[in-house]
Amino acid sequence: MNSVTYLQHLYGLPKSFAKIKMKPSDFKVYENLKYSFSGVGEHYVYKVRKIGENTKFVANELARFANTNPKNIGFAGLKDRHAVTEQWFSIYVPKNREFSLDKFQKTYTNIQILDKNKHNKKIKKGDVSYNTFNIKIRNISNLDDVVKKINFVRAGGFPNYFGPQRFGIDNANIQNALKLNERRVSKNLKSIYLSAIRSYFFNEILSERIHRNIHRTELDGDFCLKAKDFEDNQFMLDYVQGTQDKSFFLTGSLLGDNRPEKINDIGLLENEIISKNRDLFNIIKCNRMQLSQRLLIIKPMNLSYYIDLDSICIKFDLPSGAYATSLMRELFKEI
């Protein structure tokens, strides 16, 4: 089972080969939160730039140097290790206890504190409004085709697939999920494994819809969002405008144990995919996972690029939960 590489492409199979992440500076990610900080409160917030480190490691080290429990550290999302990333962390300090991160900054030269503030709440998962990506694509074998695909994606979006990092190295998260009934794991690991299964089914169903050319067609049983559903998140509306011919936006199911039996068009399609992966779906049924929805097609905002010899530097914004790697696979086949 290969979780990503065989999935259908929206604009046909790319003709070019290329490479990303040849070095961390080729892949930059800048986090943008949904709110401004209050400037007061018991949570110190730090904007951190990290190179070659994962988010949880940084969080744990901040806790250690601040002499506090790791549970008092907050962050809005995980960022790629093999990249240059900027994101915010919060440290809960009751009664504004004095502490210093000077030793932290001297210890890790690849981790910099760029800014700091105070806030009245912990930074939590889901607080990201959007991420800005700045990526250098190297060793491109067919520049014309990559440029053509970039313009297609800018106009019509790309499949909102979960990226390969969701499934772990060699699909380890899926394989571990299949063993959940045989051994106990931490709550955090269990959540990662179960999320990988739901992501797998979402990708499979979306890929099949693209294959049948019904990814922009409302089927009987589809759950659609309308413009008014984005009243509390107008920024998100920008990412779906232009991806549908009508005033609604198609979503796909993130399957749950409460999934109703459907005899409509979308139910039959889901059942077809589930029947090929019954063992995986049984894991979902045996665990509490609420049915939810995810947009099928997502559109990058503020996309720009320039050509540098046989490379392209591309910059764009994506909402929280969307994968830049899913956009990249529309442009080229990775070497």
C-alpha atoms as a PDB file:
ATOM      1  CA  MET A   1       0.000   0.000   0.000  1.00  0.00           C
ATOM      2  CA  ASN A   2       1.535   3.307  -1.113  1.00  0.00           C
ATOM      3  CA  SER A   3      -0.375   6.141   0.484  1.00  0.00           C
ATOM      4  CA  VAL A   4       0.314   9.020  -1.906  1.00  0.00           C
ATOM      5  CA  THR A   5       2.333   8.425  -5.071  1.00  0.00           C
ATOM      6  CA  TYR A   6      -0.348   6.623  -7.089  1.00  0.00           C
ATOM      7  CA  LEU A   7      -3.158   9.128  -6.395  1.00  0.00           C
ATOM      8  CA  GLN A   8      -4.782  10.795  -9.393  1.00  0.00           C
ATOM      9  CA  HIS A   9      -3.492  14.179 -10.564  1.00  0.00           C
ATOM     10  CA  LEU A  10      -5.941  16.990 -11.299  1.00  0.00           C
ATOM     11  CA  TYR A  11      -4.153  18.189 -14.454  1.00  0.00           C
ATOM     12  CA  GLY A  12      -2.672  14.966 -15.723  1.00  0.00           C
ATOM     13  CA  LEU A  13       0.588  13.254 -14.884  1.00  0.00           C
ATOM     14  CA  PRO A  14       3.444  15.802 -14.660  1.00  0.00           C
ATOM     15  CA  LYS A  15       5.994  15.565 -17.459  1.00  0.00           C
ATOM     16  CA  SER A  16       8.865  16.996 -15.454  1.00  0.00           C
ATOM     17  CA  PHE A  17      11.148  15.585 -12.802  1.00  0.00           C
ATOM     18  CA  ALA A  18      12.470  17.866 -10.074  1.00  0.00           C
ATOM     19  CA  LYS A  19      13.700  17.976  -6.500  1.00  0.00           C
ATOM     20  CA  ILE A  20      12.763  19.887  -3.347  1.00  0.00           C
ATOM     21  CA  LYS A  21      14.353  20.037   0.113  1.00  0.00           C
ATOM     22  CA  MET A  22      17.906  19.566  -1.144  1.00  0.00           C
ATOM     23  CA  LYS A  23      18.759  21.755   1.837  1.00  0.00           C
ATOM     24  CA  PRO A  24      16.568  23.243   4.624  1.00  0.00           C
ATOM     25  CA  SER A  25      16.622  26.748   3.130  1.00  0.00           C
ATOM     26  CA  ASP A  26      14.900  25.392   0.000  1.00  0.00           C
ATOM     27  CA  PHE A  27      11.683  24.893   2.004  1.00  0.00           C
ATOM     28  CA  LYS A  28      10.550  27.777   4.211  1.00  0.00           C
ATOM     29  CA  VAL A  29       7.311  27.957   6.189  1.00  0.00           C
ATOM     30  CA  TYR A  30       5.943  31.012   7.996  1.00  0.00           C
ATOM     31  CA  GLU A  31       3.019  30.612  10.393  1.00  0.00           C
ATOM     32  CA  ASN A  32       0.200  33.178  10.655  1.00  0.00           C
ATOM     33  CA  LEU A  33      -2.177  32.938  13.620  1.00  0.00           C
ATOM     34  CA  LYS A  34      -5.881  33.805  13.630  1.00  0.00           C
ATOM     35  CA  TYR A  35      -5.539  36.519  16.281  1.00  0.00           C
ATOM     36  CA  SER A  36      -3.298  39.207  17.748  1.00  0.00           C
ATOM     37  CA  PHE A  37      -1.796  38.855  21.207  1.00  0.00           C
ATOM     38  CA  SER A  38      -3.351  40.694  24.129  1.00  0.00           C
ATOM     39  CA  GLY A  39      -0.020  41.941  25.488  1.00  0.00           C
ATOM     40  CA  VAL A  40      -1.004  40.873  29.011  1.00  0.00           C
ATOM     41  CA  GLY A  41      -1.565  37.588  30.810  1.00  0.00           C
ATOM     42  CA  GLU A  42       0.283  34.587  32.211  1.00  0.00           C
ATOM     43  CA  HIS A  43       1.359  33.166  28.847  1.00  0.00           C
ATOM     44  CA  TYR A  44       4.661  34.339  27.402  1.00  0.00           C
ATOM     45  CA  VAL A  45       4.681  33.896  23.623  1.00  0.00           C
ATOM     46  CA  TYR A  46       7.779  33.519  21.457  1.00  0.00           C
ATOM     47  CA  LYS A  47       8.190  33.578  17.695  1.00  0.00           C
ATOM     48  CA  VAL A  48      10.785  30.918  16.941  1.00  0.00           C
ATOM     49  CA  ARG A  49      12.760  30.173  13.795  1.00  0.00           C
ATOM     50  CA  LYS A  50      14.050  26.606  13.683  1.00  0.00           C
ATOM     51  CA  ILE A  51      16.249  24.799  11.175  1.00  0.00           C
ATOM     52  CA  GLY A  52      16.442  20.999  11.086  1.00  0.00           C
ATOM     53  CA  GLU A  53      14.406  20.437  14.259  1.00  0.00           C
ATOM     54  CA  ASN A  54      10.848  19.229  14.795  1.00  0.00           C
ATOM     55  CA  THR A  55       8.236  21.234  16.667  1.00  0.00           C
ATOM     56  CA  LYS A  56       7.800  18.864  19.614  1.00  0.00           C
ATOM     57  CA  PHE A  57      11.541  18.821  20.299  1.00  0.00           C
ATOM     58  CA  VAL A  58      11.590  22.625  20.463  1.00  0.00           C
ATOM     59  CA  ALA A  59       8.536  22.633  22.749  1.00  0.00           C
ATOM     60  CA  ASN A  60      10.119  20.136  25.145  1.00  0.00           C
ATOM     61  CA  GLU A  61      13.387  22.066  25.242  1.00  0.00           C
ATOM     62  CA  LEU A  62      11.569  25.339  25.919  1.00  0.00           C
ATOM     63  CA  ALA A  63       9.874  23.625  28.851  1.00  0.00           C
ATOM     64  CA  ARG A  64      13.191  22.317  30.160  1.00  0.00           C
ATOM     65  CA  PHE A  65      14.976  25.648  30.005  1.00  0.00           C
ATOM     66  CA  ALA A  66      11.947  27.487  31.435  1.00  0.00           C
ATOM     67  CA  ASN A  67      11.807  24.912  34.247  1.00  0.00           C
ATOM     68  CA  THR A  68       8.174  24.050  33.644  1.00  0.00           C
ATOM     69  CA  ASN A  69       6.018  21.088  32.677  1.00  0.00           C
ATOM     70  CA  PRO A  70       5.872  20.404  28.904  1.00  0.00           C
ATOM     71  CA  LYS A  71       2.069  20.606  29.230  1.00  0.00           C
ATOM     72  CA  ASN A  72       2.509  24.338  29.835  1.00  0.00           C
ATOM     73  CA  ILE A  73       3.929  24.823  26.329  1.00  0.00           C
ATOM     74  CA  GLY A  74       1.511  25.639  23.545  1.00  0.00           C
ATOM     75  CA  PHE A  75       1.864  25.670  19.762  1.00  0.00           C
ATOM     76  CA  ALA A  76      -0.636  25.769  16.915  1.00  0.00           C
ATOM     77  CA  GLY A  77       0.696  23.058  14.615  1.00  0.00           C
ATOM     78  CA  LEU A  78       3.583  20.793  13.685  1.00  0.00           C
ATOM     79  CA  LYS A  79       6.106  22.158  11.206  1.00  0.00           C
ATOM     80  CA  ASP A  80       8.441  20.235   8.904  1.00  0.00           C
ATOM     81  CA  ARG A  81      11.806  19.272  10.384  1.00  0.00           C
ATOM     82  CA  HIS A  82      13.694  19.406   7.082  1.00  0.00           C
ATOM     83  CA  ALA A  83      12.965  23.075   6.532  1.00  0.00           C
ATOM     84  CA  VAL A  84      13.363  26.588   7.844  1.00  0.00           C
ATOM     85  CA  THR A  85      10.179  27.333   9.762  1.00  0.00           C
ATOM     86  CA  GLU A  86       8.844  30.180  11.874  1.00  0.00           C
ATOM     87  CA  GLN A  87       6.086  29.609  14.410  1.00  0.00           C
ATOM     88  CA  TRP A  88       4.807  30.805  17.779  1.00  0.00           C
ATOM     89  CA  PHE A  89       5.121  28.978  21.106  1.00  0.00           C
ATOM     90  CA  SER A  90       3.480  29.934  24.397  1.00  0.00           C
ATOM     91  CA  ILE A  91       4.821  29.231  27.893  1.00  0.00           C
ATOM     92  CA  TYR A  92       2.368  29.342  30.792  1.00  0.00           C
ATOM     93  CA  VAL A  93       3.986  31.072  33.772  1.00  0.00           C
ATOM     94  CA  PRO A  94       1.646  31.402  36.787  1.00  0.00           C
ATOM     95  CA  LYS A  95       1.946  34.716  38.626  1.00  0.00           C
ATOM     96  CA  ASN A  96       4.489  35.853  36.027  1.00  0.00           C
ATOM     97  CA  ARG A  97       7.349  33.936  37.605  1.00  0.00           C
ATOM     98  CA  GLU A  98      10.720  35.162  36.373  1.00  0.00           C
ATOM     99  CA  PHE A  99      12.667  32.906  33.991  1.00  0.00           C
ATOM    100  CA  SER A 100      15.252  33.246  31.258  1.00  0.00           C
ATOM    101  CA  LEU A 101      15.793  31.557  27.896  1.00  0.00           C
ATOM    102  CA  ASP A 102      19.309  32.924  27.441  1.00  0.00           C
ATOM    103  CA  LYS A 103      20.868  29.468  27.925  1.00  0.00           C
ATOM    104  CA  PHE A 104      18.356  28.006  25.467  1.00  0.00           C
ATOM    105  CA  GLN A 105      19.454  30.434  22.762  1.00  0.00           C
ATOM    106  CA  LYS A 106      23.146  29.808  23.443  1.00  0.00           C
ATOM    107  CA  THR A 107      22.653  26.026  23.376  1.00  0.00           C
ATOM    108  CA  TYR A 108      20.818  25.842  20.045  1.00  0.00           C
ATOM    109  CA  THR A 109      22.342  27.972  17.323  1.00  0.00           C
ATOM    110  CA  ASN A 110      19.843  26.555  14.807  1.00  0.00           C
ATOM    111  CA  ILE A 111      16.889  27.813  16.870  1.00  0.00           C
ATOM    112  CA  GLN A 112      16.343  31.565  17.179  1.00  0.00           C
ATOM    113  CA  ILE A 113      13.823  33.595  19.147  1.00  0.00           C
ATOM    114  CA  LEU A 114      12.712  36.355  16.769  1.00  0.00           C
ATOM    115  CA  ASP A 115      10.013  38.088  18.809  1.00  0.00           C
ATOM    116  CA  LYS A 116       8.165  37.828  22.107  1.00  0.00           C
ATOM    117  CA  ASN A 117       4.930  39.038  23.677  1.00  0.00           C
ATOM    118  CA  LYS A 118       2.346  38.089  26.296  1.00  0.00           C
ATOM    119  CA  HIS A 119      -1.141  36.653  25.925  1.00  0.00           C
ATOM    120  CA  ASN A 120      -4.069  35.678  28.116  1.00  0.00           C
ATOM    121  CA  LYS A 121      -4.507  32.225  26.564  1.00  0.00           C
ATOM    122  CA  LYS A 122      -2.395  29.246  25.609  1.00  0.00           C
ATOM    123  CA  ILE A 123      -1.636  28.814  21.907  1.00  0.00           C
ATOM    124  CA  LYS A 124      -3.540  25.708  20.812  1.00  0.00           C
ATOM    125  CA  LYS A 125      -3.795  23.383  17.854  1.00  0.00           C
ATOM    126  CA  GLY A 126      -6.023  24.949  15.231  1.00  0.00           C
ATOM    127  CA  ASP A 127      -5.011  28.545  15.988  1.00  0.00           C
ATOM    128  CA  VAL A 128      -3.242  28.833  12.618  1.00  0.00           C
ATOM    129  CA  SER A 129      -5.077  30.886  10.013  1.00  0.00           C
ATOM    130  CA  TYR A 130      -2.680  30.132   7.174  1.00  0.00           C
ATOM    131  CA  ASN A 131       0.927  29.241   6.418  1.00  0.00           C
ATOM    132  CA  THR A 132       3.127  31.023   3.895  1.00  0.00           C
ATOM    133  CA  PHE A 133       5.455  28.736   1.920  1.00  0.00           C
ATOM    134  CA  ASN A 134       8.575  29.765   0.043  1.00  0.00           C
ATOM    135  CA  ILE A 135       9.950  26.765  -1.857  1.00  0.00           C
ATOM    136  CA  LYS A 136      12.819  26.306  -4.280  1.00  0.00           C
ATOM    137  CA  ILE A 137      12.256  23.558  -6.857  1.00  0.00           C
ATOM    138  CA  ARG A 138      15.605  22.363  -8.228  1.00  0.00           C
ATOM    139  CA  ASN A 139      16.876  20.233 -11.112  1.00  0.00           C
ATOM    140  CA  ILE A 140      13.725  20.718 -13.202  1.00  0.00           C
ATOM    141  CA  SER A 141      13.814  18.629 -16.382  1.00  0.00           C
ATOM    142  CA  ASN A 142      10.885  20.351 -18.134  1.00  0.00           C
ATOM    143  CA  LEU A 143      10.463  23.993 -17.129  1.00  0.00           C
ATOM    144  CA  ASP A 144       7.623  24.668 -19.557  1.00  0.00           C
ATOM    145  CA  ASP A 145       5.463  21.908 -18.122  1.00  0.00           C
ATOM    146  CA  VAL A 146       6.065  22.986 -14.517  1.00  0.00           C
ATOM    147  CA  VAL A 147       5.177  26.594 -15.357  1.00  0.00           C
ATOM    148  CA  LYS A 148       2.012  25.409 -17.131  1.00  0.00           C
ATOM    149  CA  LYS A 149       1.002  23.331 -14.095  1.00  0.00           C
ATOM    150  CA  ILE A 150       1.672  26.257 -11.746  1.00  0.00           C
ATOM    151  CA  ASN A 151      -0.754  28.393 -13.732  1.00  0.00           C
ATOM    152  CA  PHE A 152      -3.360  25.610 -13.709  1.00  0.00           C
ATOM    153  CA  VAL A 153      -3.084  25.329  -9.924  1.00  0.00           C
ATOM    154  CA  ARG A 154      -3.229  29.101  -9.460  1.00  0.00           C
ATOM    155  CA  ALA A 155      -6.482  29.248 -11.445  1.00  0.00           C
ATOM    156  CA  GLY A 156      -8.225  26.042 -10.374  1.00  0.00           C
ATOM    157  CA  GLY A 157      -6.629  24.816  -7.172  1.00  0.00           C
ATOM    158  CA  PHE A 158      -5.324  21.316  -6.404  1.00  0.00           C
ATOM    159  CA  PRO A 159      -6.591  18.130  -4.716  1.00  0.00           C
ATOM    160  CA  ASN A 160      -6.698  18.618  -0.958  1.00  0.00           C
ATOM    161  CA  TYR A 161      -4.884  15.325  -0.340  1.00  0.00           C
ATOM    162  CA  PHE A 162      -3.244  14.586   2.968  1.00  0.00           C
ATOM    163  CA  GLY A 163       0.513  14.587   2.376  1.00  0.00           C
ATOM    164  CA  PRO A 164       2.922  11.661   2.876  1.00  0.00           C
ATOM    165  CA  GLN A 165       4.062  12.989   6.263  1.00  0.00           C
ATOM    166  CA  ARG A 166       0.595  12.089   7.562  1.00  0.00           C
ATOM    167  CA  PHE A 167       1.307   8.401   7.041  1.00  0.00           C
ATOM    168  CA  GLY A 168       4.848   8.152   8.386  1.00  0.00           C
ATOM    169  CA  ILE A 169       7.943   6.583   6.845  1.00  0.00           C
ATOM    170  CA  ASP A 170       6.994   3.554   4.711  1.00  0.00           C
ATOM    171  CA  ASN A 171       3.356   3.945   5.819  1.00  0.00           C
ATOM    172  CA  ALA A 172       4.318   3.144   9.408  1.00  0.00           C
ATOM    173  CA  ASN A 173       1.287   4.945  10.869  1.00  0.00           C
ATOM    174  CA  ILE A 174      -1.115   2.793   8.833  1.00  0.00           C
ATOM    175  CA  GLN A 175       0.702  -0.415   9.750  1.00  0.00           C
ATOM    176  CA  ASN A 176       0.724   0.536  13.429  1.00  0.00           C
ATOM    177  CA  ALA A 177      -2.984   1.346  13.274  1.00  0.00           C
ATOM    178  CA  LEU A 178      -3.682  -2.217  12.142  1.00  0.00           C
ATOM    179  CA  LYS A 179      -2.018  -3.454  15.347  1.00  0.00           C
ATOM    180  CA  LEU A 180      -4.013  -1.276  17.757  1.00  0.00           C
ATOM    181  CA  ASN A 181      -6.120  -4.199  18.921  1.00  0.00           C
ATOM    182  CA  GLU A 182      -2.975  -6.169  19.734  1.00  0.00           C
ATOM    183  CA  ARG A 183      -1.126  -3.680  21.919  1.00  0.00           C
ATOM    184  CA  ARG A 184      -1.638  -0.543  23.972  1.00  0.00           C
ATOM    185  CA  VAL A 185      -0.092   2.739  22.912  1.00  0.00           C
ATOM    186  CA  SER A 186      -0.211   6.267  24.271  1.00  0.00           C
ATOM    187  CA  LYS A 187      -3.273   8.403  23.595  1.00  0.00           C
ATOM    188  CA  ASN A 188      -1.203  10.670  21.358  1.00  0.00           C
ATOM    189  CA  LEU A 189       0.136   7.813  19.207  1.00  0.00           C
ATOM    190  CA  LYS A 190      -3.310   6.265  18.945  1.00  0.00           C
ATOM    191  CA  SER A 191      -4.686   9.566  17.659  1.00  0.00           C
ATOM    192  CA  ILE A 192      -1.897   9.775  15.049  1.00  0.00           C
ATOM    193  CA  TYR A 193      -2.546   6.217  13.822  1.00  0.00           C
ATOM    194  CA  LEU A 194      -6.321   6.640  13.622  1.00  0.00           C
ATOM    195  CA  SER A 195      -5.977   9.965  11.820  1.00  0.00           C
ATOM    196  CA  ALA A 196      -3.741   8.268   9.261  1.00  0.00           C
ATOM    197  CA  ILE A 197      -6.507   5.754   8.476  1.00  0.00           C
ATOM    198  CA  ARG A 198      -9.116   8.461   7.976  1.00  0.00           C
ATOM    199  CA  SER A 199      -6.680  10.431   5.825  1.00  0.00           C
ATOM    200  CA  TYR A 200      -6.030   7.334   3.722  1.00  0.00           C
ATOM    201  CA  PHE A 201      -9.746   6.846   3.014  1.00  0.00           C
ATOM    202  CA  PHE A 202     -10.229  10.539   2.209  1.00  0.00           C
ATOM    203  CA  ASN A 203      -7.355  10.419  -0.294  1.00  0.00           C
ATOM    204  CA  GLU A 204      -8.666   7.234  -1.901  1.00  0.00           C
ATOM    205  CA  ILE A 205     -12.187   8.599  -2.352  1.00  0.00           C
ATOM    206  CA  LEU A 206     -10.963  11.940  -3.723  1.00  0.00           C
ATOM    207  CA  SER A 207      -8.589  10.175  -6.122  1.00  0.00           C
ATOM    208  CA  GLU A 208     -11.435   8.022  -7.430  1.00  0.00           C
ATOM    209  CA  ARG A 209     -13.632  11.092  -7.927  1.00  0.00           C
ATOM    210  CA  ILE A 210     -10.884  12.745  -9.984  1.00  0.00           C
ATOM    211  CA  HIS A 211     -10.457   9.531 -11.978  1.00  0.00           C
ATOM    212  CA  ARG A 212     -14.193   9.547 -12.796  1.00  0.00           C
ATOM    213  CA  ASN A 213     -14.156  13.340 -13.364  1.00  0.00           C
ATOM    214  CA  ILE A 214     -16.786  13.939 -10.682  1.00  0.00           C
ATOM    215  CA  HIS A 215     -14.624  15.935  -8.255  1.00  0.00           C
ATOM    216  CA  ARG A 216     -16.492  19.140  -9.204  1.00  0.00           C
ATOM    217  CA  THR A 217     -19.893  17.462  -9.581  1.00  0.00           C
ATOM    218  CA  GLU A 218     -22.347  17.354  -6.685  1.00  0.00           C
ATOM    219  CA  LEU A 219     -23.447  13.768  -6.098  1.00  0.00           C
ATOM    220  CA  ASP A 220     -26.542  12.638  -4.268  1.00  0.00           C
ATOM    221  CA  GLY A 221     -25.445  12.551  -0.618  1.00  0.00           C
ATOM    222  CA  ASP A 222     -22.595  15.045  -0.929  1.00  0.00           C
ATOM    223  CA  PHE A 223     -22.085  17.531   1.907  1.00  0.00           C
ATOM    224  CA  CYS A 224     -21.521  20.991   0.483  1.00  0.00           C
ATOM    225  CA  LEU A 225     -20.410  24.221   2.072  1.00  0.00           C
ATOM    226  CA  LYS A 226     -21.769  27.567   0.912  1.00  0.00           C
ATOM    227  CA  ALA A 227     -20.271  31.036   1.137  1.00  0.00           C
ATOM    228  CA  LYS A 228     -22.318  31.796   4.259  1.00  0.00           C
ATOM    229  CA  ASP A 229     -20.629  28.869   6.030  1.00  0.00           C
ATOM    230  CA  PHE A 230     -17.415  30.893   6.009  1.00  0.00           C
ATOM    231  CA  GLU A 231     -18.864  33.926   7.824  1.00  0.00           C
ATOM    232  CA  ASP A 232     -16.596  33.265  10.825  1.00  0.00           C
ATOM    233  CA  ASN A 233     -13.589  32.639   8.600  1.00  0.00           C
ATOM    234  CA  GLN A 234     -13.703  34.918   5.580  1.00  0.00           C
ATOM    235  CA  PHE A 235     -10.023  34.256   4.940  1.00  0.00           C
ATOM    236  CA  MET A 236     -10.789  30.592   4.319  1.00  0.00           C
ATOM    237  CA  LEU A 237     -13.363  31.579   1.714  1.00  0.00           C
ATOM    238  CA  ASP A 238     -10.547  32.952  -0.465  1.00  0.00           C
ATOM    239  CA  TYR A 239      -9.070  29.474  -0.727  1.00  0.00           C
ATOM    240  CA  VAL A 240     -12.203  27.900  -2.159  1.00  0.00           C
ATOM    241  CA  GLN A 241     -13.385  30.691  -4.463  1.00  0.00           C
ATOM    242  CA  GLY A 242     -12.893  29.710  -8.074  1.00  0.00           C
ATOM    243  CA  THR A 243     -12.735  25.973  -7.409  1.00  0.00           C
ATOM    244  CA  GLN A 244     -16.419  25.367  -8.163  1.00  0.00           C
ATOM    245  CA  ASP A 245     -18.667  26.411 -11.019  1.00  0.00           C
ATOM    246  CA  LYS A 246     -21.520  27.113  -8.606  1.00  0.00           C
ATOM    247  CA  SER A 247     -21.829  28.850  -5.237  1.00  0.00           C
ATOM    248  CA  PHE A 248     -21.086  25.713  -3.217  1.00  0.00           C
ATOM    249  CA  PHE A 249     -17.911  23.894  -2.319  1.00  0.00           C
ATOM    250  CA  LEU A 250     -17.701  20.105  -2.243  1.00  0.00           C
ATOM    251  CA  THR A 251     -16.313  18.229   0.726  1.00  0.00           C
ATOM    252  CA  GLY A 252     -15.320  14.635   1.336  1.00  0.00           C
ATOM    253  CA  SER A 253     -15.876  12.534   4.441  1.00  0.00           C
ATOM    254  CA  LEU A 254     -13.356  11.929   7.175  1.00  0.00           C
ATOM    255  CA  LEU A 255     -14.940   8.651   8.154  1.00  0.00           C
ATOM    256  CA  GLY A 256     -16.033   7.977  11.719  1.00  0.00           C
ATOM    257  CA  ASP A 257     -17.603   5.201  13.760  1.00  0.00           C
ATOM    258  CA  ASN A 258     -20.918   7.089  13.478  1.00  0.00           C
ATOM    259  CA  ARG A 259     -20.932   6.940   9.675  1.00  0.00           C
ATOM    260  CA  PRO A 260     -24.530   6.321   8.546  1.00  0.00           C
ATOM    261  CA  GLU A 261     -25.265   3.574   6.037  1.00  0.00           C
ATOM    262  CA  LYS A 262     -25.910   5.344   2.741  1.00  0.00           C
ATOM    263  CA  ILE A 263     -27.579   4.095  -0.406  1.00  0.00           C
ATOM    264  CA  ASN A 264     -27.055   7.354  -2.310  1.00  0.00           C
ATOM    265  CA  ASP A 265     -24.350   8.052  -4.895  1.00  0.00           C
ATOM    266  CA  ILE A 266     -21.636   9.146  -2.468  1.00  0.00           C
ATOM    267  CA  GLY A 267     -22.467   6.291  -0.100  1.00  0.00           C
ATOM    268  CA  LEU A 268     -22.021   3.741  -2.866  1.00  0.00           C
ATOM    269  CA  LEU A 269     -18.662   5.278  -3.813  1.00  0.00           C
ATOM    270  CA  GLU A 270     -17.482   5.239  -0.199  1.00  0.00           C
ATOM    271  CA  ASN A 271     -18.665   1.645   0.230  1.00  0.00           C
ATOM    272  CA  GLU A 272     -16.710   0.629  -2.854  1.00  0.00           C
ATOM    273  CA  ILE A 273     -13.493   2.035  -1.350  1.00  0.00           C
ATOM    274  CA  ILE A 274     -14.238   0.642   2.116  1.00  0.00           C
ATOM    275  CA  SER A 275     -14.850  -2.851   0.722  1.00  0.00           C
ATOM    276  CA  LYS A 276     -11.263  -2.932  -0.565  1.00  0.00           C
ATOM    277  CA  ASN A 277      -9.897  -1.932   2.843  1.00  0.00           C
ATOM    278  CA  ARG A 278     -12.277  -3.566   5.298  1.00  0.00           C
ATOM    279  CA  ASP A 279      -9.596  -4.196   7.952  1.00  0.00           C
ATOM    280  CA  LEU A 280      -8.745  -0.506   8.066  1.00  0.00           C
ATOM    281  CA  PHE A 281     -12.372   0.583   8.331  1.00  0.00           C
ATOM    282  CA  ASN A 282     -12.969  -1.906  11.145  1.00  0.00           C
ATOM    283  CA  ILE A 283     -10.294  -0.072  13.142  1.00  0.00           C
ATOM    284  CA  ILE A 284     -12.332   3.129  12.757  1.00  0.00           C
ATOM    285  CA  LYS A 285     -15.534   1.348  13.802  1.00  0.00           C
ATOM    286  CA  CYS A 286     -13.856   0.020  16.946  1.00  0.00           C
ATOM    287  CA  ASN A 287     -12.756   3.474  18.077  1.00  0.00           C
ATOM    288  CA  ARG A 288     -14.584   6.699  18.821  1.00  0.00           C
ATOM    289  CA  MET A 289     -14.070   8.939  15.810  1.00  0.00           C
ATOM    290  CA  GLN A 290     -16.688  11.470  14.809  1.00  0.00           C
ATOM    291  CA  LEU A 291     -17.556  11.806  11.133  1.00  0.00           C
ATOM    292  CA  SER A 292     -16.344  15.153   9.742  1.00  0.00           C
ATOM    293  CA  GLN A 293     -15.756  16.829   6.378  1.00  0.00           C
ATOM    294  CA  ARG A 294     -12.804  18.247   4.419  1.00  0.00           C
ATOM    295  CA  LEU A 295     -12.788  20.336   1.253  1.00  0.00           C
ATOM    296  CA  LEU A 296     -11.996  18.326  -1.886  1.00  0.00           C
ATOM    297  CA  ILE A 297     -10.208  21.087  -3.794  1.00  0.00           C
ATOM    298  CA  ILE A 298      -8.152  23.902  -2.276  1.00  0.00           C
ATOM    299  CA  LYS A 299      -6.786  26.994  -3.981  1.00  0.00           C
ATOM    300  CA  PRO A 300      -3.451  28.608  -3.005  1.00  0.00           C
ATOM    301  CA  MET A 301      -3.532  32.354  -2.453  1.00  0.00           C
ATOM    302  CA  ASN A 302      -0.947  35.009  -3.345  1.00  0.00           C
ATOM    303  CA  LEU A 303       0.914  32.539  -5.557  1.00  0.00           C
ATOM    304  CA  SER A 304       3.964  33.935  -7.323  1.00  0.00           C
ATOM    305  CA  TYR A 305       7.115  32.437  -8.801  1.00  0.00           C
ATOM    306  CA  TYR A 306      10.272  33.227 -10.732  1.00  0.00           C
ATOM    307  CA  ILE A 307      12.658  31.093 -12.765  1.00  0.00           C
ATOM    308  CA  ASP A 308      16.312  30.777 -11.777  1.00  0.00           C
ATOM    309  CA  LEU A 309      18.207  28.740 -14.425  1.00  0.00           C
ATOM    310  CA  ASP A 310      16.807  25.178 -14.054  1.00  0.00           C
ATOM    311  CA  SER A 311      15.053  26.038 -10.792  1.00  0.00           C
ATOM    312  CA  ILE A 312      11.821  27.762  -9.821  1.00  0.00           C
ATOM    313  CA  CYS A 313      11.236  29.694  -6.611  1.00  0.00           C
ATOM    314  CA  ILE A 314       7.536  29.606  -5.724  1.00  0.00           C
ATOM    315  CA  LYS A 315       5.676  31.362  -2.908  1.00  0.00           C
ATOM    316  CA  PHE A 316       2.055  30.878  -1.809  1.00  0.00           C
ATOM    317  CA  ASP A 317      -0.317  30.789   1.168  1.00  0.00           C
ATOM    318  CA  LEU A 318      -2.298  27.735   2.279  1.00  0.00           C
ATOM    319  CA  PRO A 319      -4.887  27.434   5.058  1.00  0.00           C
ATOM    320  CA  SER A 320      -4.175  25.327   8.099  1.00  0.00           C
ATOM    321  CA  GLY A 321      -4.494  21.616   7.318  1.00  0.00           C
ATOM    322  CA  ALA A 322      -3.566  21.872   3.633  1.00  0.00           C
ATOM    323  CA  TYR A 323      -0.304  20.299   2.468  1.00  0.00           C
ATOM    324  CA  ALA A 324       2.251  22.070   0.293  1.00  0.00           C
ATOM    325  CA  THR A 325       3.540  18.634  -0.758  1.00  0.00           C
ATOM    326  CA  SER A 326       0.118  17.923  -2.298  1.00  0.00           C
ATOM    327  CA  LEU A 327       0.471  21.061  -4.396  1.00  0.00           C
ATOM    328  CA  MET A 328       4.037  20.128  -5.383  1.00  0.00           C
ATOM    329  CA  ARG A 329       3.017  16.682  -6.696  1.00  0.00           C
ATOM    330  CA  GLU A 330       0.759  18.407  -9.252  1.00  0.00           C
ATOM    331  CA  LEU A 331       3.792  20.204 -10.695  1.00  0.00           C
ATOM    332  CA  PHE A 332       6.455  17.513 -11.041  1.00  0.00           C
ATOM    333  CA  LYS A 333       7.557  13.980 -10.246  1.00  0.00           C
ATOM    334  CA  GLU A 334      10.138  14.052  -7.488  1.00  0.00           C
ATOM    335  CA  ILE A 335      13.572  12.649  -8.280  1.00  0.00           C
END
